[in-house]
Amino acid sequence: MSDPARPEAPAASAFAELELLVRNLGEELATFRKRAHQAESRLKTLGSSPAGDASAEERMAELEAENARLRGRLDEAATRTRSTLERVRFLRQQHALGSDA
C-alpha cells in the first residue's frame, strides 16, 4: 500500500524498475551489436578471400551432387508411378469389358 504522506515512493519504485529495464536492454543491444559486427567481419573476410570458404564450397558441391541424385530418384519414381497407373487403368478397362459381356 502506498503512503499518502509519501507520494514519491511509488514513483521512485517505478523509476528504479524502469532504470533496471533500460540497463538490461542496453546490455542486450550491446550483445546484438557485437554479434552483428562479428558476422559482418566474417562475411567481409569470406568475400575478400580469393578462394572463399573452402569448406563451404565443398559442402555446397556435396549438396548439389546429392540434389542431383535425389532428382534422378524422383524422376525414376515418377516414371514407375505413371507405369503403375497405366496398368491399373488397363486392368479397370479389362474388368469393365468383362463385366459388360
N, C-alpha and C. Protein backbone atom coordinates (compact mmCIF):
# COMPACT_ATOMS: atom_id res chain seq x y z
N MET A 1 0.84 -1.18 0.00
CA MET A 1 0.00 0.00 0.00
C MET A 1 0.88 1.23 0.00
N SER A 2 0.45 2.21 -0.71
CA SER A 2 1.22 3.44 -0.77
C SER A 2 0.83 4.35 0.38
N ASP A 3 1.80 5.07 0.82
CA ASP A 3 1.60 6.00 1.92
C ASP A 3 1.21 7.35 1.33
N PRO A 4 -0.02 7.86 1.66
CA PRO A 4 -0.42 9.14 1.09
C PRO A 4 0.50 10.28 1.52
N ALA A 5 1.21 10.10 2.62
CA ALA A 5 2.12 11.15 3.06
C ALA A 5 3.39 11.17 2.21
N ARG A 6 3.68 10.02 1.51
CA ARG A 6 4.88 9.95 0.68
C ARG A 6 4.50 9.57 -0.75
N PRO A 7 3.99 10.54 -1.54
CA PRO A 7 3.57 10.23 -2.91
C PRO A 7 4.74 9.90 -3.84
N GLU A 8 5.98 10.24 -3.43
CA GLU A 8 7.12 9.98 -4.31
C GLU A 8 7.57 8.52 -4.25
N ALA A 9 7.13 7.74 -3.25
CA ALA A 9 7.57 6.35 -3.10
C ALA A 9 7.16 5.49 -4.29
N PRO A 10 5.92 5.51 -4.76
CA PRO A 10 5.58 4.68 -5.93
C PRO A 10 6.32 5.15 -7.19
N ALA A 11 6.51 6.43 -7.33
CA ALA A 11 7.22 6.94 -8.49
C ALA A 11 8.69 6.51 -8.45
N ALA A 12 9.28 6.52 -7.28
CA ALA A 12 10.68 6.10 -7.14
C ALA A 12 10.82 4.62 -7.45
N SER A 13 9.87 3.83 -7.00
CA SER A 13 9.89 2.39 -7.28
C SER A 13 9.74 2.14 -8.78
N ALA A 14 8.81 2.84 -9.41
CA ALA A 14 8.61 2.69 -10.85
C ALA A 14 9.85 3.16 -11.61
N PHE A 15 10.47 4.23 -11.14
CA PHE A 15 11.68 4.73 -11.81
C PHE A 15 12.82 3.73 -11.69
N ALA A 16 12.96 3.11 -10.52
CA ALA A 16 14.02 2.12 -10.31
C ALA A 16 13.80 0.92 -11.22
N GLU A 17 12.54 0.50 -11.35
CA GLU A 17 12.23 -0.63 -12.23
C GLU A 17 12.53 -0.26 -13.69
N LEU A 18 12.15 0.94 -14.08
CA LEU A 18 12.41 1.40 -15.44
C LEU A 18 13.92 1.49 -15.70
N GLU A 19 14.65 1.96 -14.73
CA GLU A 19 16.10 2.06 -14.87
C GLU A 19 16.73 0.69 -15.07
N LEU A 20 16.26 -0.31 -14.32
CA LEU A 20 16.75 -1.67 -14.46
C LEU A 20 16.43 -2.23 -15.85
N LEU A 21 15.22 -1.99 -16.31
CA LEU A 21 14.83 -2.48 -17.64
C LEU A 21 15.67 -1.83 -18.74
N VAL A 22 15.92 -0.53 -18.62
CA VAL A 22 16.73 0.17 -19.63
C VAL A 22 18.16 -0.35 -19.60
N ARG A 23 18.71 -0.61 -18.43
CA ARG A 23 20.07 -1.13 -18.31
C ARG A 23 20.15 -2.51 -18.97
N ASN A 24 19.18 -3.38 -18.68
CA ASN A 24 19.17 -4.71 -19.30
C ASN A 24 19.03 -4.62 -20.82
N LEU A 25 18.19 -3.72 -21.27
CA LEU A 25 18.00 -3.53 -22.70
C LEU A 25 19.29 -3.04 -23.36
N GLY A 26 19.99 -2.14 -22.68
CA GLY A 26 21.26 -1.65 -23.19
C GLY A 26 22.29 -2.77 -23.31
N GLU A 27 22.33 -3.66 -22.31
CA GLU A 27 23.26 -4.78 -22.36
C GLU A 27 22.92 -5.72 -23.51
N GLU A 28 21.63 -5.99 -23.72
CA GLU A 28 21.21 -6.84 -24.83
C GLU A 28 21.58 -6.21 -26.16
N LEU A 29 21.36 -4.92 -26.27
CA LEU A 29 21.69 -4.21 -27.51
C LEU A 29 23.19 -4.29 -27.79
N ALA A 30 24.00 -4.14 -26.76
CA ALA A 30 25.45 -4.24 -26.93
C ALA A 30 25.83 -5.64 -27.40
N THR A 31 25.19 -6.66 -26.86
CA THR A 31 25.45 -8.04 -27.29
C THR A 31 25.09 -8.23 -28.76
N PHE A 32 23.93 -7.72 -29.16
CA PHE A 32 23.49 -7.86 -30.55
C PHE A 32 24.42 -7.10 -31.50
N ARG A 33 24.86 -5.94 -31.07
CA ARG A 33 25.80 -5.16 -31.90
C ARG A 33 27.11 -5.92 -32.09
N LYS A 34 27.60 -6.50 -31.00
CA LYS A 34 28.86 -7.26 -31.07
C LYS A 34 28.70 -8.43 -32.03
N ARG A 35 27.60 -9.17 -31.93
CA ARG A 35 27.37 -10.30 -32.82
C ARG A 35 27.24 -9.84 -34.28
N ALA A 36 26.56 -8.73 -34.49
CA ALA A 36 26.39 -8.20 -35.85
C ALA A 36 27.74 -7.81 -36.44
N HIS A 37 28.59 -7.16 -35.65
CA HIS A 37 29.92 -6.76 -36.13
C HIS A 37 30.77 -7.99 -36.45
N GLN A 38 30.68 -9.03 -35.61
CA GLN A 38 31.43 -10.25 -35.88
C GLN A 38 30.95 -10.90 -37.18
N ALA A 39 29.64 -10.94 -37.37
CA ALA A 39 29.09 -11.54 -38.59
C ALA A 39 29.50 -10.74 -39.82
N GLU A 40 29.46 -9.42 -39.73
CA GLU A 40 29.86 -8.58 -40.85
C GLU A 40 31.34 -8.76 -41.18
N SER A 41 32.18 -8.84 -40.17
CA SER A 41 33.61 -9.01 -40.44
C SER A 41 33.88 -10.39 -41.04
N ARG A 42 33.17 -11.40 -40.59
CA ARG A 42 33.34 -12.74 -41.18
C ARG A 42 32.88 -12.74 -42.63
N LEU A 43 31.78 -12.09 -42.89
CA LEU A 43 31.28 -12.01 -44.26
C LEU A 43 32.26 -11.27 -45.16
N LYS A 44 32.84 -10.18 -44.67
CA LYS A 44 33.83 -9.45 -45.46
C LYS A 44 35.06 -10.32 -45.72
N THR A 45 35.47 -11.09 -44.71
CA THR A 45 36.63 -11.97 -44.86
C THR A 45 36.35 -13.03 -45.91
N LEU A 46 35.18 -13.61 -45.87
CA LEU A 46 34.83 -14.64 -46.86
C LEU A 46 34.73 -14.05 -48.25
N GLY A 47 34.19 -12.86 -48.35
CA GLY A 47 34.04 -12.23 -49.66
C GLY A 47 35.34 -11.74 -50.24
N SER A 48 36.29 -11.37 -49.39
CA SER A 48 37.53 -10.80 -49.89
C SER A 48 38.56 -11.86 -50.24
N SER A 49 38.47 -13.04 -49.66
CA SER A 49 39.46 -14.07 -49.97
C SER A 49 39.19 -14.66 -51.35
N PRO A 50 40.22 -14.88 -52.14
CA PRO A 50 40.02 -15.37 -53.50
C PRO A 50 39.39 -16.76 -53.54
N ALA A 51 39.72 -17.61 -52.59
CA ALA A 51 39.16 -18.97 -52.60
C ALA A 51 37.84 -19.03 -51.85
N GLY A 52 37.52 -18.02 -51.07
CA GLY A 52 36.31 -18.06 -50.27
C GLY A 52 36.46 -19.07 -49.14
N ASP A 53 35.38 -19.51 -48.64
CA ASP A 53 35.40 -20.52 -47.58
C ASP A 53 35.41 -21.89 -48.24
N ALA A 54 36.56 -22.55 -48.22
CA ALA A 54 36.72 -23.82 -48.93
C ALA A 54 35.77 -24.89 -48.40
N SER A 55 35.60 -24.95 -47.11
CA SER A 55 34.72 -25.97 -46.56
C SER A 55 33.27 -25.72 -46.98
N ALA A 56 32.87 -24.46 -47.07
CA ALA A 56 31.52 -24.14 -47.51
C ALA A 56 31.34 -24.51 -48.99
N GLU A 57 32.38 -24.28 -49.79
CA GLU A 57 32.30 -24.64 -51.20
C GLU A 57 32.23 -26.14 -51.38
N GLU A 58 33.00 -26.88 -50.57
CA GLU A 58 32.94 -28.35 -50.63
C GLU A 58 31.56 -28.85 -50.23
N ARG A 59 31.04 -28.29 -49.18
CA ARG A 59 29.71 -28.70 -48.70
C ARG A 59 28.65 -28.38 -49.76
N MET A 60 28.79 -27.24 -50.40
CA MET A 60 27.85 -26.86 -51.44
C MET A 60 27.91 -27.84 -52.61
N ALA A 61 29.12 -28.24 -52.99
CA ALA A 61 29.28 -29.22 -54.07
C ALA A 61 28.65 -30.55 -53.69
N GLU A 62 28.85 -30.97 -52.44
CA GLU A 62 28.24 -32.21 -51.96
C GLU A 62 26.72 -32.13 -52.01
N LEU A 63 26.19 -31.00 -51.57
CA LEU A 63 24.73 -30.83 -51.57
C LEU A 63 24.17 -30.80 -52.98
N GLU A 64 24.89 -30.17 -53.91
CA GLU A 64 24.42 -30.14 -55.29
C GLU A 64 24.42 -31.54 -55.89
N ALA A 65 25.46 -32.34 -55.57
CA ALA A 65 25.51 -33.72 -56.07
C ALA A 65 24.38 -34.55 -55.47
N GLU A 66 24.16 -34.37 -54.19
CA GLU A 66 23.05 -35.09 -53.54
C GLU A 66 21.71 -34.67 -54.14
N ASN A 67 21.57 -33.39 -54.41
CA ASN A 67 20.35 -32.88 -55.01
C ASN A 67 20.12 -33.51 -56.39
N ALA A 68 21.19 -33.65 -57.18
CA ALA A 68 21.08 -34.27 -58.50
C ALA A 68 20.67 -35.74 -58.37
N ARG A 69 21.27 -36.45 -57.39
CA ARG A 69 20.88 -37.86 -57.17
C ARG A 69 19.41 -37.96 -56.77
N LEU A 70 18.98 -37.09 -55.89
CA LEU A 70 17.60 -37.12 -55.44
C LEU A 70 16.63 -36.79 -56.57
N ARG A 71 17.01 -35.86 -57.43
CA ARG A 71 16.16 -35.54 -58.59
C ARG A 71 16.04 -36.74 -59.51
N GLY A 72 17.15 -37.46 -59.70
CA GLY A 72 17.11 -38.68 -60.51
C GLY A 72 16.19 -39.72 -59.91
N ARG A 73 16.30 -39.91 -58.61
CA ARG A 73 15.42 -40.88 -57.94
C ARG A 73 13.96 -40.46 -58.05
N LEU A 74 13.72 -39.17 -57.94
CA LEU A 74 12.36 -38.65 -58.04
C LEU A 74 11.81 -38.88 -59.44
N ASP A 75 12.63 -38.65 -60.46
CA ASP A 75 12.21 -38.90 -61.84
C ASP A 75 11.89 -40.38 -62.05
N GLU A 76 12.75 -41.26 -61.53
CA GLU A 76 12.51 -42.71 -61.65
C GLU A 76 11.21 -43.09 -60.96
N ALA A 77 10.99 -42.56 -59.77
CA ALA A 77 9.75 -42.87 -59.03
C ALA A 77 8.53 -42.36 -59.79
N ALA A 78 8.63 -41.18 -60.40
CA ALA A 78 7.51 -40.65 -61.17
C ALA A 78 7.22 -41.54 -62.37
N THR A 79 8.27 -42.03 -63.05
CA THR A 79 8.09 -42.92 -64.19
C THR A 79 7.42 -44.22 -63.76
N ARG A 80 7.89 -44.82 -62.67
CA ARG A 80 7.27 -46.06 -62.16
C ARG A 80 5.82 -45.83 -61.75
N THR A 81 5.54 -44.67 -61.16
CA THR A 81 4.17 -44.37 -60.75
C THR A 81 3.27 -44.24 -61.97
N ARG A 82 3.74 -43.56 -63.01
CA ARG A 82 2.93 -43.45 -64.24
C ARG A 82 2.68 -44.82 -64.85
N SER A 83 3.71 -45.66 -64.86
CA SER A 83 3.57 -47.01 -65.42
C SER A 83 2.55 -47.82 -64.63
N THR A 84 2.61 -47.74 -63.31
CA THR A 84 1.66 -48.46 -62.47
C THR A 84 0.25 -47.94 -62.70
N LEU A 85 0.11 -46.63 -62.82
CA LEU A 85 -1.20 -46.04 -63.08
C LEU A 85 -1.77 -46.51 -64.42
N GLU A 86 -0.92 -46.60 -65.43
CA GLU A 86 -1.37 -47.10 -66.73
C GLU A 86 -1.84 -48.55 -66.63
N ARG A 87 -1.11 -49.38 -65.87
CA ARG A 87 -1.52 -50.77 -65.69
C ARG A 87 -2.86 -50.87 -64.98
N VAL A 88 -3.03 -50.02 -63.94
CA VAL A 88 -4.30 -50.03 -63.21
C VAL A 88 -5.44 -49.62 -64.14
N ARG A 89 -5.24 -48.63 -64.97
CA ARG A 89 -6.27 -48.21 -65.92
C ARG A 89 -6.60 -49.35 -66.90
N PHE A 90 -5.55 -50.02 -67.39
CA PHE A 90 -5.77 -51.12 -68.30
C PHE A 90 -6.58 -52.22 -67.63
N LEU A 91 -6.21 -52.57 -66.39
CA LEU A 91 -6.94 -53.63 -65.68
C LEU A 91 -8.39 -53.22 -65.42
N ARG A 92 -8.62 -51.96 -65.10
CA ARG A 92 -10.01 -51.50 -64.91
C ARG A 92 -10.79 -51.61 -66.21
N GLN A 93 -10.16 -51.26 -67.34
CA GLN A 93 -10.84 -51.38 -68.63
C GLN A 93 -11.16 -52.84 -68.93
N GLN A 94 -10.19 -53.73 -68.65
CA GLN A 94 -10.42 -55.14 -68.90
C GLN A 94 -11.54 -55.67 -68.01
N HIS A 95 -11.56 -55.22 -66.77
CA HIS A 95 -12.62 -55.65 -65.85
C HIS A 95 -13.97 -55.14 -66.30
N ALA A 96 -14.01 -53.88 -66.74
CA ALA A 96 -15.26 -53.29 -67.22
C ALA A 96 -15.74 -54.02 -68.47
N LEU A 97 -14.85 -54.37 -69.36
CA LEU A 97 -15.23 -55.10 -70.58
C LEU A 97 -15.72 -56.50 -70.24
N GLY A 98 -15.10 -57.14 -69.26
CA GLY A 98 -15.53 -58.47 -68.83
C GLY A 98 -16.88 -58.43 -68.16
N SER A 99 -17.20 -57.37 -67.47
CA SER A 99 -18.48 -57.25 -66.79
C SER A 99 -19.61 -56.99 -67.77
N ASP A 100 -19.32 -56.31 -68.87
CA ASP A 100 -20.33 -55.99 -69.88
C ASP A 100 -20.72 -57.22 -70.69
N ALA A 101 -19.88 -58.18 -70.82
CA ALA A 101 -20.14 -59.34 -71.69
C ALA A 101 -21.13 -60.29 -71.11
